[in-house]
Amino acid sequence: MSIQSAYSIVAASRMKIARTVLLVCALIGSLAPPIFFLSVQHFHLEVQTSEWLVSQWPRSLGEIALEDRRMAADMLVTYGEWAAANALTFAAVGWSVLFLFRMLKRSGARDD
């Protein structure tokens, strides 16, 4: 085994690890917001979530009235709850298709 082929094997395994880490991050990023909003809806935490979002508002934007910030947070929670079920469904279907495609691609590579 030459040094060049050993280097290419190491580079390929590093790329595979990096690709897997990116897929895990994308999976968490696509599933976390819908699960968050569905849990808010399930446990009836809309008021507390809106208050928490208003408390996270940057202090530099203090010239915006508290009522307007509260209204924006309420709208975010309400529309987030409405969109969460669809987003979770589409994310689950999309990730299932991706995983099936990867499994079929790997099995096809082994057959060759």
PDB file of N, CA and C in Angstrom:
ATOM      1  N   MET A   1       0.858  -1.172   0.000  1.00  0.00           N
ATOM      2  CA  MET A   1       0.000   0.000   0.000  1.00  0.00           C
ATOM      3  C   MET A   1       0.902   1.233   0.000  1.00  0.00           C
ATOM      4  N   SER A   2       0.637   2.098  -0.921  1.00  0.00           N
ATOM      5  CA  SER A   2       1.453   3.304  -1.028  1.00  0.00           C
ATOM      6  C   SER A   2       0.941   4.384  -0.073  1.00  0.00           C
ATOM      7  N   ILE A   3       1.757   5.380   0.119  1.00  0.00           N
ATOM      8  CA  ILE A   3       1.386   6.492   0.995  1.00  0.00           C
ATOM      9  C   ILE A   3       0.197   7.246   0.415  1.00  0.00           C
ATOM     10  N   GLN A   4       0.164   7.364  -0.908  1.00  0.00           N
ATOM     11  CA  GLN A   4      -0.932   8.079  -1.576  1.00  0.00           C
ATOM     12  C   GLN A   4      -2.263   7.382  -1.349  1.00  0.00           C
ATOM     13  N   SER A   5      -2.293   6.047  -1.470  1.00  0.00           N
ATOM     14  CA  SER A   5      -3.553   5.328  -1.274  1.00  0.00           C
ATOM     15  C   SER A   5      -3.974   5.352   0.197  1.00  0.00           C
ATOM     16  N   ALA A   6      -3.007   5.288   1.108  1.00  0.00           N
ATOM     17  CA  ALA A   6      -3.336   5.385   2.532  1.00  0.00           C
ATOM     18  C   ALA A   6      -3.918   6.759   2.853  1.00  0.00           C
ATOM     19  N   TYR A   7      -3.360   7.796   2.248  1.00  0.00           N
ATOM     20  CA  TYR A   7      -3.871   9.149   2.459  1.00  0.00           C
ATOM     21  C   TYR A   7      -5.289   9.274   1.903  1.00  0.00           C
ATOM     22  N   SER A   8      -5.561   8.681   0.757  1.00  0.00           N
ATOM     23  CA  SER A   8      -6.901   8.780   0.180  1.00  0.00           C
ATOM     24  C   SER A   8      -7.922   8.032   1.029  1.00  0.00           C
ATOM     25  N   ILE A   9      -7.514   6.921   1.656  1.00  0.00           N
ATOM     26  CA  ILE A   9      -8.430   6.193   2.534  1.00  0.00           C
ATOM     27  C   ILE A   9      -8.751   7.027   3.767  1.00  0.00           C
ATOM     28  N   VAL A  10      -7.735   7.668   4.353  1.00  0.00           N
ATOM     29  CA  VAL A  10      -7.953   8.524   5.521  1.00  0.00           C
ATOM     30  C   VAL A  10      -8.822   9.724   5.144  1.00  0.00           C
ATOM     31  N   ALA A  11      -8.550  10.321   3.999  1.00  0.00           N
ATOM     32  CA  ALA A  11      -9.344  11.476   3.558  1.00  0.00           C
ATOM     33  C   ALA A  11     -10.791  11.068   3.311  1.00  0.00           C
ATOM     34  N   ALA A  12     -10.999   9.891   2.741  1.00  0.00           N
ATOM     35  CA  ALA A  12     -12.372   9.426   2.491  1.00  0.00           C
ATOM     36  C   ALA A  12     -13.105   9.172   3.801  1.00  0.00           C
ATOM     37  N   SER A  13     -12.429   8.590   4.778  1.00  0.00           N
ATOM     38  CA  SER A  13     -13.100   8.342   6.058  1.00  0.00           C
ATOM     39  C   SER A  13     -13.391   9.648   6.791  1.00  0.00           C
ATOM     40  N   ARG A  14     -12.496  10.623   6.691  1.00  0.00           N
ATOM     41  CA  ARG A  14     -12.764  11.936   7.296  1.00  0.00           C
ATOM     42  C   ARG A  14     -13.949  12.613   6.633  1.00  0.00           C
ATOM     43  N   MET A  15     -14.042  12.496   5.324  1.00  0.00           N
ATOM     44  CA  MET A  15     -15.173  13.088   4.608  1.00  0.00           C
ATOM     45  C   MET A  15     -16.473  12.402   5.005  1.00  0.00           C
ATOM     46  N   LYS A  16     -16.429  11.099   5.192  1.00  0.00           N
ATOM     47  CA  LYS A  16     -17.620  10.359   5.606  1.00  0.00           C
ATOM     48  C   LYS A  16     -18.069  10.799   7.001  1.00  0.00           C
ATOM     49  N   ILE A  17     -17.113  10.981   7.904  1.00  0.00           N
ATOM     50  CA  ILE A  17     -17.445  11.448   9.255  1.00  0.00           C
ATOM     51  C   ILE A  17     -18.022  12.856   9.206  1.00  0.00           C
ATOM     52  N   ALA A  18     -17.414  13.732   8.426  1.00  0.00           N
ATOM     53  CA  ALA A  18     -17.917  15.112   8.313  1.00  0.00           C
ATOM     54  C   ALA A  18     -19.321  15.128   7.720  1.00  0.00           C
ATOM     55  N   ARG A  19     -19.563  14.304   6.718  1.00  0.00           N
ATOM     56  CA  ARG A  19     -20.887  14.228   6.107  1.00  0.00           C
ATOM     57  C   ARG A  19     -21.921  13.725   7.106  1.00  0.00           C
ATOM     58  N   THR A  20     -21.548  12.737   7.908  1.00  0.00           N
ATOM     59  CA  THR A  20     -22.466  12.198   8.914  1.00  0.00           C
ATOM     60  C   THR A  20     -22.771  13.241   9.985  1.00  0.00           C
ATOM     61  N   VAL A  21     -21.762  13.971  10.425  1.00  0.00           N
ATOM     62  CA  VAL A  21     -21.976  15.023  11.427  1.00  0.00           C
ATOM     63  C   VAL A  21     -22.902  16.107  10.874  1.00  0.00           C
ATOM     64  N   LEU A  22     -22.699  16.501   9.632  1.00  0.00           N
ATOM     65  CA  LEU A  22     -23.575  17.504   9.022  1.00  0.00           C
ATOM     66  C   LEU A  22     -25.004  16.994   8.885  1.00  0.00           C
ATOM     67  N   LEU A  23     -25.175  15.738   8.539  1.00  0.00           N
ATOM     68  CA  LEU A  23     -26.521  15.171   8.449  1.00  0.00           C
ATOM     69  C   LEU A  23     -27.206  15.143   9.813  1.00  0.00           C
ATOM     70  N   VAL A  24     -26.469  14.806  10.856  1.00  0.00           N
ATOM     71  CA  VAL A  24     -27.051  14.799  12.205  1.00  0.00           C
ATOM     72  C   VAL A  24     -27.458  16.207  12.617  1.00  0.00           C
ATOM     73  N   CYS A  25     -26.610  17.187  12.335  1.00  0.00           N
ATOM     74  CA  CYS A  25     -26.951  18.584  12.658  1.00  0.00           C
ATOM     75  C   CYS A  25     -28.176  19.044  11.878  1.00  0.00           C
ATOM     76  N   ALA A  26     -28.251  18.682  10.612  1.00  0.00           N
ATOM     77  CA  ALA A  26     -29.411  19.049   9.804  1.00  0.00           C
ATOM     78  C   ALA A  26     -30.671  18.348  10.306  1.00  0.00           C
ATOM     79  N   LEU A  27     -30.539  17.112  10.724  1.00  0.00           N
ATOM     80  CA  LEU A  27     -31.682  16.379  11.263  1.00  0.00           C
ATOM     81  C   LEU A  27     -32.211  17.044  12.522  1.00  0.00           C
ATOM     82  N   ILE A  28     -31.313  17.376  13.431  1.00  0.00           N
ATOM     83  CA  ILE A  28     -31.730  18.042  14.671  1.00  0.00           C
ATOM     84  C   ILE A  28     -32.327  19.415  14.363  1.00  0.00           C
ATOM     85  N   GLY A  29     -31.694  20.145  13.444  1.00  0.00           N
ATOM     86  CA  GLY A  29     -32.196  21.471  13.089  1.00  0.00           C
ATOM     87  C   GLY A  29     -33.554  21.452  12.420  1.00  0.00           C
ATOM     88  N   SER A  30     -33.862  20.396  11.685  1.00  0.00           N
ATOM     89  CA  SER A  30     -35.155  20.348  11.004  1.00  0.00           C
ATOM     90  C   SER A  30     -36.265  19.790  11.892  1.00  0.00           C
ATOM     91  N   LEU A  31     -35.914  19.021  12.900  1.00  0.00           N
ATOM     92  CA  LEU A  31     -36.944  18.431  13.762  1.00  0.00           C
ATOM     93  C   LEU A  31     -37.175  19.207  15.055  1.00  0.00           C
ATOM     94  N   ALA A  32     -36.196  19.962  15.522  1.00  0.00           N
ATOM     95  CA  ALA A  32     -36.324  20.642  16.813  1.00  0.00           C
ATOM     96  C   ALA A  32     -37.430  21.710  16.847  1.00  0.00           C
ATOM     97  N   PRO A  33     -37.508  22.640  15.871  1.00  0.00           N
ATOM     98  CA  PRO A  33     -38.572  23.648  15.957  1.00  0.00           C
ATOM     99  C   PRO A  33     -39.994  23.076  15.933  1.00  0.00           C
ATOM    100  N   PRO A  34     -40.323  22.129  15.033  1.00  0.00           N
ATOM    101  CA  PRO A  34     -41.684  21.578  15.095  1.00  0.00           C
ATOM    102  C   PRO A  34     -41.980  20.856  16.402  1.00  0.00           C
ATOM    103  N   ILE A  35     -41.004  20.119  16.921  1.00  0.00           N
ATOM    104  CA  ILE A  35     -41.227  19.420  18.189  1.00  0.00           C
ATOM    105  C   ILE A  35     -41.407  20.418  19.324  1.00  0.00           C
ATOM    106  N   PHE A  36     -40.636  21.506  19.296  1.00  0.00           N
ATOM    107  CA  PHE A  36     -40.787  22.551  20.315  1.00  0.00           C
ATOM    108  C   PHE A  36     -42.198  23.129  20.288  1.00  0.00           C
ATOM    109  N   PHE A  37     -42.668  23.528  19.111  1.00  0.00           N
ATOM    110  CA  PHE A  37     -43.991  24.150  19.030  1.00  0.00           C
ATOM    111  C   PHE A  37     -45.112  23.155  19.335  1.00  0.00           C
ATOM    112  N   LEU A  38     -44.947  21.895  18.949  1.00  0.00           N
ATOM    113  CA  LEU A  38     -45.966  20.900  19.285  1.00  0.00           C
ATOM    114  C   LEU A  38     -45.994  20.620  20.787  1.00  0.00           C
ATOM    115  N   SER A  39     -44.843  20.641  21.447  1.00  0.00           N
ATOM    116  CA  SER A  39     -44.835  20.451  22.899  1.00  0.00           C
ATOM    117  C   SER A  39     -45.440  21.659  23.613  1.00  0.00           C
ATOM    118  N   VAL A  40     -45.210  22.852  23.081  1.00  0.00           N
ATOM    119  CA  VAL A  40     -45.855  24.058  23.648  1.00  0.00           C
ATOM    120  C   VAL A  40     -47.362  23.929  23.547  1.00  0.00           C
ATOM    121  N   GLN A  41     -47.846  23.473  22.396  1.00  0.00           N
ATOM    122  CA  GLN A  41     -49.283  23.318  22.209  1.00  0.00           C
ATOM    123  C   GLN A  41     -49.833  22.211  23.106  1.00  0.00           C
ATOM    124  N   HIS A  42     -49.113  21.099  23.199  1.00  0.00           N
ATOM    125  CA  HIS A  42     -49.604  19.964  23.975  1.00  0.00           C
ATOM    126  C   HIS A  42     -49.732  20.298  25.460  1.00  0.00           C
ATOM    127  N   PHE A  43     -48.746  20.997  25.996  1.00  0.00           N
ATOM    128  CA  PHE A  43     -48.754  21.304  27.417  1.00  0.00           C
ATOM    129  C   PHE A  43     -49.388  22.659  27.729  1.00  0.00           C
ATOM    130  N   HIS A  44     -50.003  23.302  26.733  1.00  0.00           N
ATOM    131  CA  HIS A  44     -50.701  24.585  26.910  1.00  0.00           C
ATOM    132  C   HIS A  44     -49.795  25.637  27.549  1.00  0.00           C
ATOM    133  N   LEU A  45     -48.616  25.828  26.958  1.00  0.00           N
ATOM    134  CA  LEU A  45     -47.637  26.787  27.484  1.00  0.00           C
ATOM    135  C   LEU A  45     -47.509  28.019  26.586  1.00  0.00           C
ATOM    136  N   GLU A  46     -48.574  28.380  25.899  1.00  0.00           N
ATOM    137  CA  GLU A  46     -48.503  29.489  24.958  1.00  0.00           C
ATOM    138  C   GLU A  46     -48.163  30.805  25.648  1.00  0.00           C
ATOM    139  N   VAL A  47     -48.804  31.087  26.781  1.00  0.00           N
ATOM    140  CA  VAL A  47     -48.591  32.354  27.477  1.00  0.00           C
ATOM    141  C   VAL A  47     -47.160  32.442  28.006  1.00  0.00           C
ATOM    142  N   GLN A  48     -46.693  31.365  28.633  1.00  0.00           N
ATOM    143  CA  GLN A  48     -45.339  31.368  29.175  1.00  0.00           C
ATOM    144  C   GLN A  48     -44.298  31.463  28.063  1.00  0.00           C
ATOM    145  N   THR A  49     -44.552  30.795  26.930  1.00  0.00           N
ATOM    146  CA  THR A  49     -43.612  30.849  25.814  1.00  0.00           C
ATOM    147  C   THR A  49     -43.553  32.254  25.237  1.00  0.00           C
ATOM    148  N   SER A  50     -44.698  32.909  25.104  1.00  0.00           N
ATOM    149  CA  SER A  50     -44.711  34.286  24.597  1.00  0.00           C
ATOM    150  C   SER A  50     -43.961  35.221  25.537  1.00  0.00           C
ATOM    151  N   GLU A  51     -44.184  35.055  26.839  1.00  0.00           N
ATOM    152  CA  GLU A  51     -43.460  35.894  27.806  1.00  0.00           C
ATOM    153  C   GLU A  51     -41.953  35.638  27.732  1.00  0.00           C
ATOM    154  N   TRP A  52     -41.567  34.385  27.566  1.00  0.00           N
ATOM    155  CA  TRP A  52     -40.145  34.055  27.452  1.00  0.00           C
ATOM    156  C   TRP A  52     -39.541  34.676  26.195  1.00  0.00           C
ATOM    157  N   LEU A  53     -40.277  34.611  25.081  1.00  0.00           N
ATOM    158  CA  LEU A  53     -39.773  35.208  23.840  1.00  0.00           C
ATOM    159  C   LEU A  53     -39.614  36.721  23.978  1.00  0.00           C
ATOM    160  N   VAL A  54     -40.562  37.363  24.644  1.00  0.00           N
ATOM    161  CA  VAL A  54     -40.462  38.814  24.861  1.00  0.00           C
ATOM    162  C   VAL A  54     -39.261  39.122  25.753  1.00  0.00           C
ATOM    163  N   SER A  55     -38.990  38.265  26.734  1.00  0.00           N
ATOM    164  CA  SER A  55     -37.846  38.512  27.615  1.00  0.00           C
ATOM    165  C   SER A  55     -36.518  38.329  26.876  1.00  0.00           C
ATOM    166  N   GLN A  56     -36.515  37.555  25.792  1.00  0.00           N
ATOM    167  CA  GLN A  56     -35.303  37.344  25.000  1.00  0.00           C
ATOM    168  C   GLN A  56     -35.069  38.453  23.978  1.00  0.00           C
ATOM    169  N   TRP A  57     -36.012  39.377  23.864  1.00  0.00           N
ATOM    170  CA  TRP A  57     -35.917  40.469  22.901  1.00  0.00           C
ATOM    171  C   TRP A  57     -34.671  41.298  23.199  1.00  0.00           C
ATOM    172  N   PRO A  58     -33.901  41.670  22.192  1.00  0.00           N
ATOM    173  CA  PRO A  58     -32.681  42.453  22.439  1.00  0.00           C
ATOM    174  C   PRO A  58     -32.985  43.783  23.124  1.00  0.00           C
ATOM    175  N   ARG A  59     -32.161  44.144  24.067  1.00  0.00           N
ATOM    176  CA  ARG A  59     -32.359  45.391  24.807  1.00  0.00           C
ATOM    177  C   ARG A  59     -32.143  46.610  23.922  1.00  0.00           C
ATOM    178  N   SER A  60     -31.375  46.451  22.859  1.00  0.00           N
ATOM    179  CA  SER A  60     -31.108  47.588  21.975  1.00  0.00           C
ATOM    180  C   SER A  60     -32.359  48.016  21.212  1.00  0.00           C
ATOM    181  N   LEU A  61     -33.341  47.122  21.134  1.00  0.00           N
ATOM    182  CA  LEU A  61     -34.580  47.461  20.433  1.00  0.00           C
ATOM    183  C   LEU A  61     -35.679  47.830  21.430  1.00  0.00           C
ATOM    184  N   GLY A  62     -35.308  48.473  22.504  1.00  0.00           N
ATOM    185  CA  GLY A  62     -36.244  48.838  23.556  1.00  0.00           C
ATOM    186  C   GLY A  62     -37.246  49.900  23.157  1.00  0.00           C
ATOM    187  N   GLU A  63     -37.007  50.567  22.020  1.00  0.00           N
ATOM    188  CA  GLU A  63     -37.949  51.609  21.613  1.00  0.00           C
ATOM    189  C   GLU A  63     -39.261  51.034  21.087  1.00  0.00           C
ATOM    190  N   ILE A  64     -39.307  49.722  20.877  1.00  0.00           N
ATOM    191  CA  ILE A  64     -40.542  49.083  20.439  1.00  0.00           C
ATOM    192  C   ILE A  64     -41.397  48.833  21.678  1.00  0.00           C
ATOM    193  N   ALA A  65     -42.647  49.194  21.592  1.00  0.00           N
ATOM    194  CA  ALA A  65     -43.539  49.094  22.747  1.00  0.00           C
ATOM    195  C   ALA A  65     -43.694  47.641  23.193  1.00  0.00           C
ATOM    196  N   LEU A  66     -43.882  47.453  24.478  1.00  0.00           N
ATOM    197  CA  LEU A  66     -44.036  46.118  25.048  1.00  0.00           C
ATOM    198  C   LEU A  66     -45.234  45.387  24.434  1.00  0.00           C
ATOM    199  N   GLU A  67     -46.306  46.118  24.185  1.00  0.00           N
ATOM    200  CA  GLU A  67     -47.498  45.495  23.599  1.00  0.00           C
ATOM    201  C   GLU A  67     -47.203  44.954  22.200  1.00  0.00           C
ATOM    202  N   ASP A  68     -46.406  45.710  21.426  1.00  0.00           N
ATOM    203  CA  ASP A  68     -46.062  45.255  20.077  1.00  0.00           C
ATOM    204  C   ASP A  68     -45.157  44.027  20.125  1.00  0.00           C
ATOM    205  N   ARG A  69     -44.224  44.027  21.062  1.00  0.00           N
ATOM    206  CA  ARG A  69     -43.354  42.854  21.203  1.00  0.00           C
ATOM    207  C   ARG A  69     -44.161  41.637  21.638  1.00  0.00           C
ATOM    208  N   ARG A  70     -45.091  41.853  22.547  1.00  0.00           N
ATOM    209  CA  ARG A  70     -45.942  40.747  23.020  1.00  0.00           C
ATOM    210  C   ARG A  70     -46.824  40.232  21.897  1.00  0.00           C
ATOM    211  N   MET A  71     -47.363  41.140  21.081  1.00  0.00           N
ATOM    212  CA  MET A  71     -48.200  40.725  19.957  1.00  0.00           C
ATOM    213  C   MET A  71     -47.383  39.916  18.951  1.00  0.00           C
ATOM    214  N   ALA A  72     -46.162  40.335  18.668  1.00  0.00           N
ATOM    215  CA  ALA A  72     -45.302  39.600  17.737  1.00  0.00           C
ATOM    216  C   ALA A  72     -44.974  38.211  18.289  1.00  0.00           C
ATOM    217  N   ALA A  73     -44.699  38.128  19.581  1.00  0.00           N
ATOM    218  CA  ALA A  73     -44.399  36.830  20.192  1.00  0.00           C
ATOM    219  C   ALA A  73     -45.622  35.924  20.169  1.00  0.00           C
ATOM    220  N   ASP A  74     -46.798  36.477  20.445  1.00  0.00           N
ATOM    221  CA  ASP A  74     -48.032  35.684  20.381  1.00  0.00           C
ATOM    222  C   ASP A  74     -48.275  35.151  18.976  1.00  0.00           C
ATOM    223  N   MET A  75     -48.045  35.989  17.976  1.00  0.00           N
ATOM    224  CA  MET A  75     -48.226  35.549  16.588  1.00  0.00           C
ATOM    225  C   MET A  75     -47.225  34.459  16.231  1.00  0.00           C
ATOM    226  N   LEU A  76     -45.973  34.599  16.684  1.00  0.00           N
ATOM    227  CA  LEU A  76     -44.957  33.583  16.414  1.00  0.00           C
ATOM    228  C   LEU A  76     -45.359  32.242  17.020  1.00  0.00           C
ATOM    229  N   VAL A  77     -45.830  32.257  18.242  1.00  0.00           N
ATOM    230  CA  VAL A  77     -46.239  31.013  18.893  1.00  0.00           C
ATOM    231  C   VAL A  77     -47.449  30.415  18.191  1.00  0.00           C
ATOM    232  N   THR A  78     -48.434  31.242  17.861  1.00  0.00           N
ATOM    233  CA  THR A  78     -49.649  30.741  17.206  1.00  0.00           C
ATOM    234  C   THR A  78     -49.342  30.153  15.839  1.00  0.00           C
ATOM    235  N   TYR A  79     -48.637  30.895  15.002  1.00  0.00           N
ATOM    236  CA  TYR A  79     -48.318  30.387  13.664  1.00  0.00           C
ATOM    237  C   TYR A  79     -47.323  29.225  13.729  1.00  0.00           C
ATOM    238  N   GLY A  80     -46.452  29.226  14.726  1.00  0.00           N
ATOM    239  CA  GLY A  80     -45.546  28.098  14.902  1.00  0.00           C
ATOM    240  C   GLY A  80     -46.290  26.819  15.225  1.00  0.00           C
ATOM    241  N   GLU A  81     -47.315  26.932  16.066  1.00  0.00           N
ATOM    242  CA  GLU A  81     -48.136  25.767  16.377  1.00  0.00           C
ATOM    243  C   GLU A  81     -48.887  25.274  15.147  1.00  0.00           C
ATOM    244  N   TRP A  82     -49.402  26.185  14.355  1.00  0.00           N
ATOM    245  CA  TRP A  82     -50.136  25.786  13.145  1.00  0.00           C
ATOM    246  C   TRP A  82     -49.230  25.076  12.149  1.00  0.00           C
ATOM    247  N   ALA A  83     -48.027  25.579  12.000  1.00  0.00           N
ATOM    248  CA  ALA A  83     -47.117  25.022  11.003  1.00  0.00           C
ATOM    249  C   ALA A  83     -46.349  23.801  11.497  1.00  0.00           C
ATOM    250  N   ALA A  84     -46.325  23.572  12.795  1.00  0.00           N
ATOM    251  CA  ALA A  84     -45.465  22.530  13.360  1.00  0.00           C
ATOM    252  C   ALA A  84     -45.830  21.133  12.879  1.00  0.00           C
ATOM    253  N   ALA A  85     -47.110  20.815  12.844  1.00  0.00           N
ATOM    254  CA  ALA A  85     -47.507  19.462  12.441  1.00  0.00           C
ATOM    255  C   ALA A  85     -47.123  19.187  10.997  1.00  0.00           C
ATOM    256  N   ASN A  86     -47.372  20.145  10.112  1.00  0.00           N
ATOM    257  CA  ASN A  86     -46.991  19.958   8.714  1.00  0.00           C
ATOM    258  C   ASN A  86     -45.483  19.884   8.557  1.00  0.00           C
ATOM    259  N   ALA A  87     -44.765  20.745   9.257  1.00  0.00           N
ATOM    260  CA  ALA A  87     -43.308  20.749   9.153  1.00  0.00           C
ATOM    261  C   ALA A  87     -42.730  19.436   9.659  1.00  0.00           C
ATOM    262  N   LEU A  88     -43.274  18.916  10.748  1.00  0.00           N
ATOM    263  CA  LEU A  88     -42.783  17.648  11.282  1.00  0.00           C
ATOM    264  C   LEU A  88     -43.073  16.504  10.320  1.00  0.00           C
ATOM    265  N   THR A  89     -44.240  16.520   9.711  1.00  0.00           N
ATOM    266  CA  THR A  89     -44.591  15.482   8.740  1.00  0.00           C
ATOM    267  C   THR A  89     -43.667  15.532   7.536  1.00  0.00           C
ATOM    268  N   PHE A  90     -43.490  16.715   6.971  1.00  0.00           N
ATOM    269  CA  PHE A  90     -42.623  16.833   5.794  1.00  0.00           C
ATOM    270  C   PHE A  90     -41.173  16.506   6.129  1.00  0.00           C
ATOM    271  N   ALA A  91     -40.701  16.905   7.305  1.00  0.00           N
ATOM    272  CA  ALA A  91     -39.330  16.594   7.699  1.00  0.00           C
ATOM    273  C   ALA A  91     -39.154  15.088   7.873  1.00  0.00           C
ATOM    274  N   ALA A  92     -40.123  14.438   8.500  1.00  0.00           N
ATOM    275  CA  ALA A  92     -40.027  12.985   8.698  1.00  0.00           C
ATOM    276  C   ALA A  92     -40.033  12.248   7.363  1.00  0.00           C
ATOM    277  N   VAL A  93     -40.897  12.660   6.454  1.00  0.00           N
ATOM    278  CA  VAL A  93     -40.941  12.022   5.133  1.00  0.00           C
ATOM    279  C   VAL A  93     -39.639  12.278   4.376  1.00  0.00           C
ATOM    280  N   GLY A  94     -39.163  13.504   4.399  1.00  0.00           N
ATOM    281  CA  GLY A  94     -37.930  13.840   3.704  1.00  0.00           C
ATOM    282  C   GLY A  94     -36.727  13.083   4.238  1.00  0.00           C
ATOM    283  N   TRP A  95     -36.599  13.004   5.556  1.00  0.00           N
ATOM    284  CA  TRP A  95     -35.473  12.273   6.139  1.00  0.00           C
ATOM    285  C   TRP A  95     -35.593  10.775   5.880  1.00  0.00           C
ATOM    286  N   SER A  96     -36.813  10.247   5.885  1.00  0.00           N
ATOM    287  CA  SER A  96     -36.992   8.827   5.572  1.00  0.00           C
ATOM    288  C   SER A  96     -36.553   8.524   4.150  1.00  0.00           C
ATOM    289  N   VAL A  97     -36.925   9.387   3.225  1.00  0.00           N
ATOM    290  CA  VAL A  97     -36.514   9.203   1.833  1.00  0.00           C
ATOM    291  C   VAL A  97     -34.994   9.292   1.714  1.00  0.00           C
ATOM    292  N   LEU A  98     -34.396  10.248   2.394  1.00  0.00           N
ATOM    293  CA  LEU A  98     -32.939  10.388   2.336  1.00  0.00           C
ATOM    294  C   LEU A  98     -32.239   9.158   2.889  1.00  0.00           C
ATOM    295  N   PHE A  99     -32.703   8.639   4.034  1.00  0.00           N
ATOM    296  CA  PHE A  99     -32.068   7.465   4.616  1.00  0.00           C
ATOM    297  C   PHE A  99     -32.262   6.233   3.737  1.00  0.00           C
ATOM    298  N   LEU A 100     -33.447   6.071   3.170  1.00  0.00           N
ATOM    299  CA  LEU A 100     -33.668   4.950   2.256  1.00  0.00           C
ATOM    300  C   LEU A 100     -32.786   5.066   1.025  1.00  0.00           C
ATOM    301  N   PHE A 101     -32.661   6.263   0.493  1.00  0.00           N
ATOM    302  CA  PHE A 101     -31.802   6.481  -0.674  1.00  0.00           C
ATOM    303  C   PHE A 101     -30.357   6.132  -0.348  1.00  0.00           C
ATOM    304  N   ARG A 102     -29.893   6.560   0.825  1.00  0.00           N
ATOM    305  CA  ARG A 102     -28.512   6.251   1.213  1.00  0.00           C
ATOM    306  C   ARG A 102     -28.304   4.757   1.395  1.00  0.00           C
ATOM    307  N   MET A 103     -29.294   4.056   1.983  1.00  0.00           N
ATOM    308  CA  MET A 103     -29.158   2.612   2.157  1.00  0.00           C
ATOM    309  C   MET A 103     -29.141   1.903   0.814  1.00  0.00           C
ATOM    310  N   LEU A 104     -30.015   2.318  -0.095  1.00  0.00           N
ATOM    311  CA  LEU A 104     -30.053   1.692  -1.414  1.00  0.00           C
ATOM    312  C   LEU A 104     -28.783   1.992  -2.199  1.00  0.00           C
ATOM    313  N   LYS A 105     -28.262   3.190  -2.041  1.00  0.00           N
ATOM    314  CA  LYS A 105     -27.026   3.567  -2.728  1.00  0.00           C
ATOM    315  C   LYS A 105     -25.855   2.724  -2.225  1.00  0.00           C
ATOM    316  N   ARG A 106     -25.811   2.515  -0.902  1.00  0.00           N
ATOM    317  CA  ARG A 106     -24.736   1.700  -0.333  1.00  0.00           C
ATOM    318  C   ARG A 106     -24.853   0.251  -0.752  1.00  0.00           C
ATOM    319  N   SER A 107     -26.077  -0.270  -0.762  1.00  0.00           N
ATOM    320  CA  SER A 107     -26.234  -1.677  -1.164  1.00  0.00           C
ATOM    321  C   SER A 107     -25.915  -1.849  -2.652  1.00  0.00           C
ATOM    322  N   GLY A 108     -26.206  -0.844  -3.453  1.00  0.00           N
ATOM    323  CA  GLY A 108     -25.848  -0.902  -4.872  1.00  0.00           C
ATOM    324  C   GLY A 108     -24.349  -0.841  -5.084  1.00  0.00           C
ATOM    325  N   ALA A 109     -23.646  -0.100  -4.229  1.00  0.00           N
ATOM    326  CA  ALA A 109     -22.198  -0.015  -4.342  1.00  0.00           C
ATOM    327  C   ALA A 109     -21.547  -1.328  -3.938  1.00  0.00           C
ATOM    328  N   ARG A 110     -22.136  -2.046  -2.995  1.00  0.00           N
ATOM    329  CA  ARG A 110     -21.584  -3.345  -2.571  1.00  0.00           C
ATOM    330  C   ARG A 110     -21.785  -4.411  -3.631  1.00  0.00           C
ATOM    331  N   ASP A 111     -22.900  -4.304  -4.372  1.00  0.00           N
ATOM    332  CA  ASP A 111     -23.196  -5.306  -5.402  1.00  0.00           C
ATOM    333  C   ASP A 111     -22.252  -5.209  -6.582  1.00  0.00           C
ATOM    334  N   ASP A 112     -21.720  -4.022  -6.837  1.00  0.00           N
ATOM    335  CA  ASP A 112     -20.842  -3.844  -8.015  1.00  0.00           C
ATOM    336  C   ASP A 112     -19.511  -4.501  -7.859  1.00  0.00           C
TER     337      ASP A 112
END
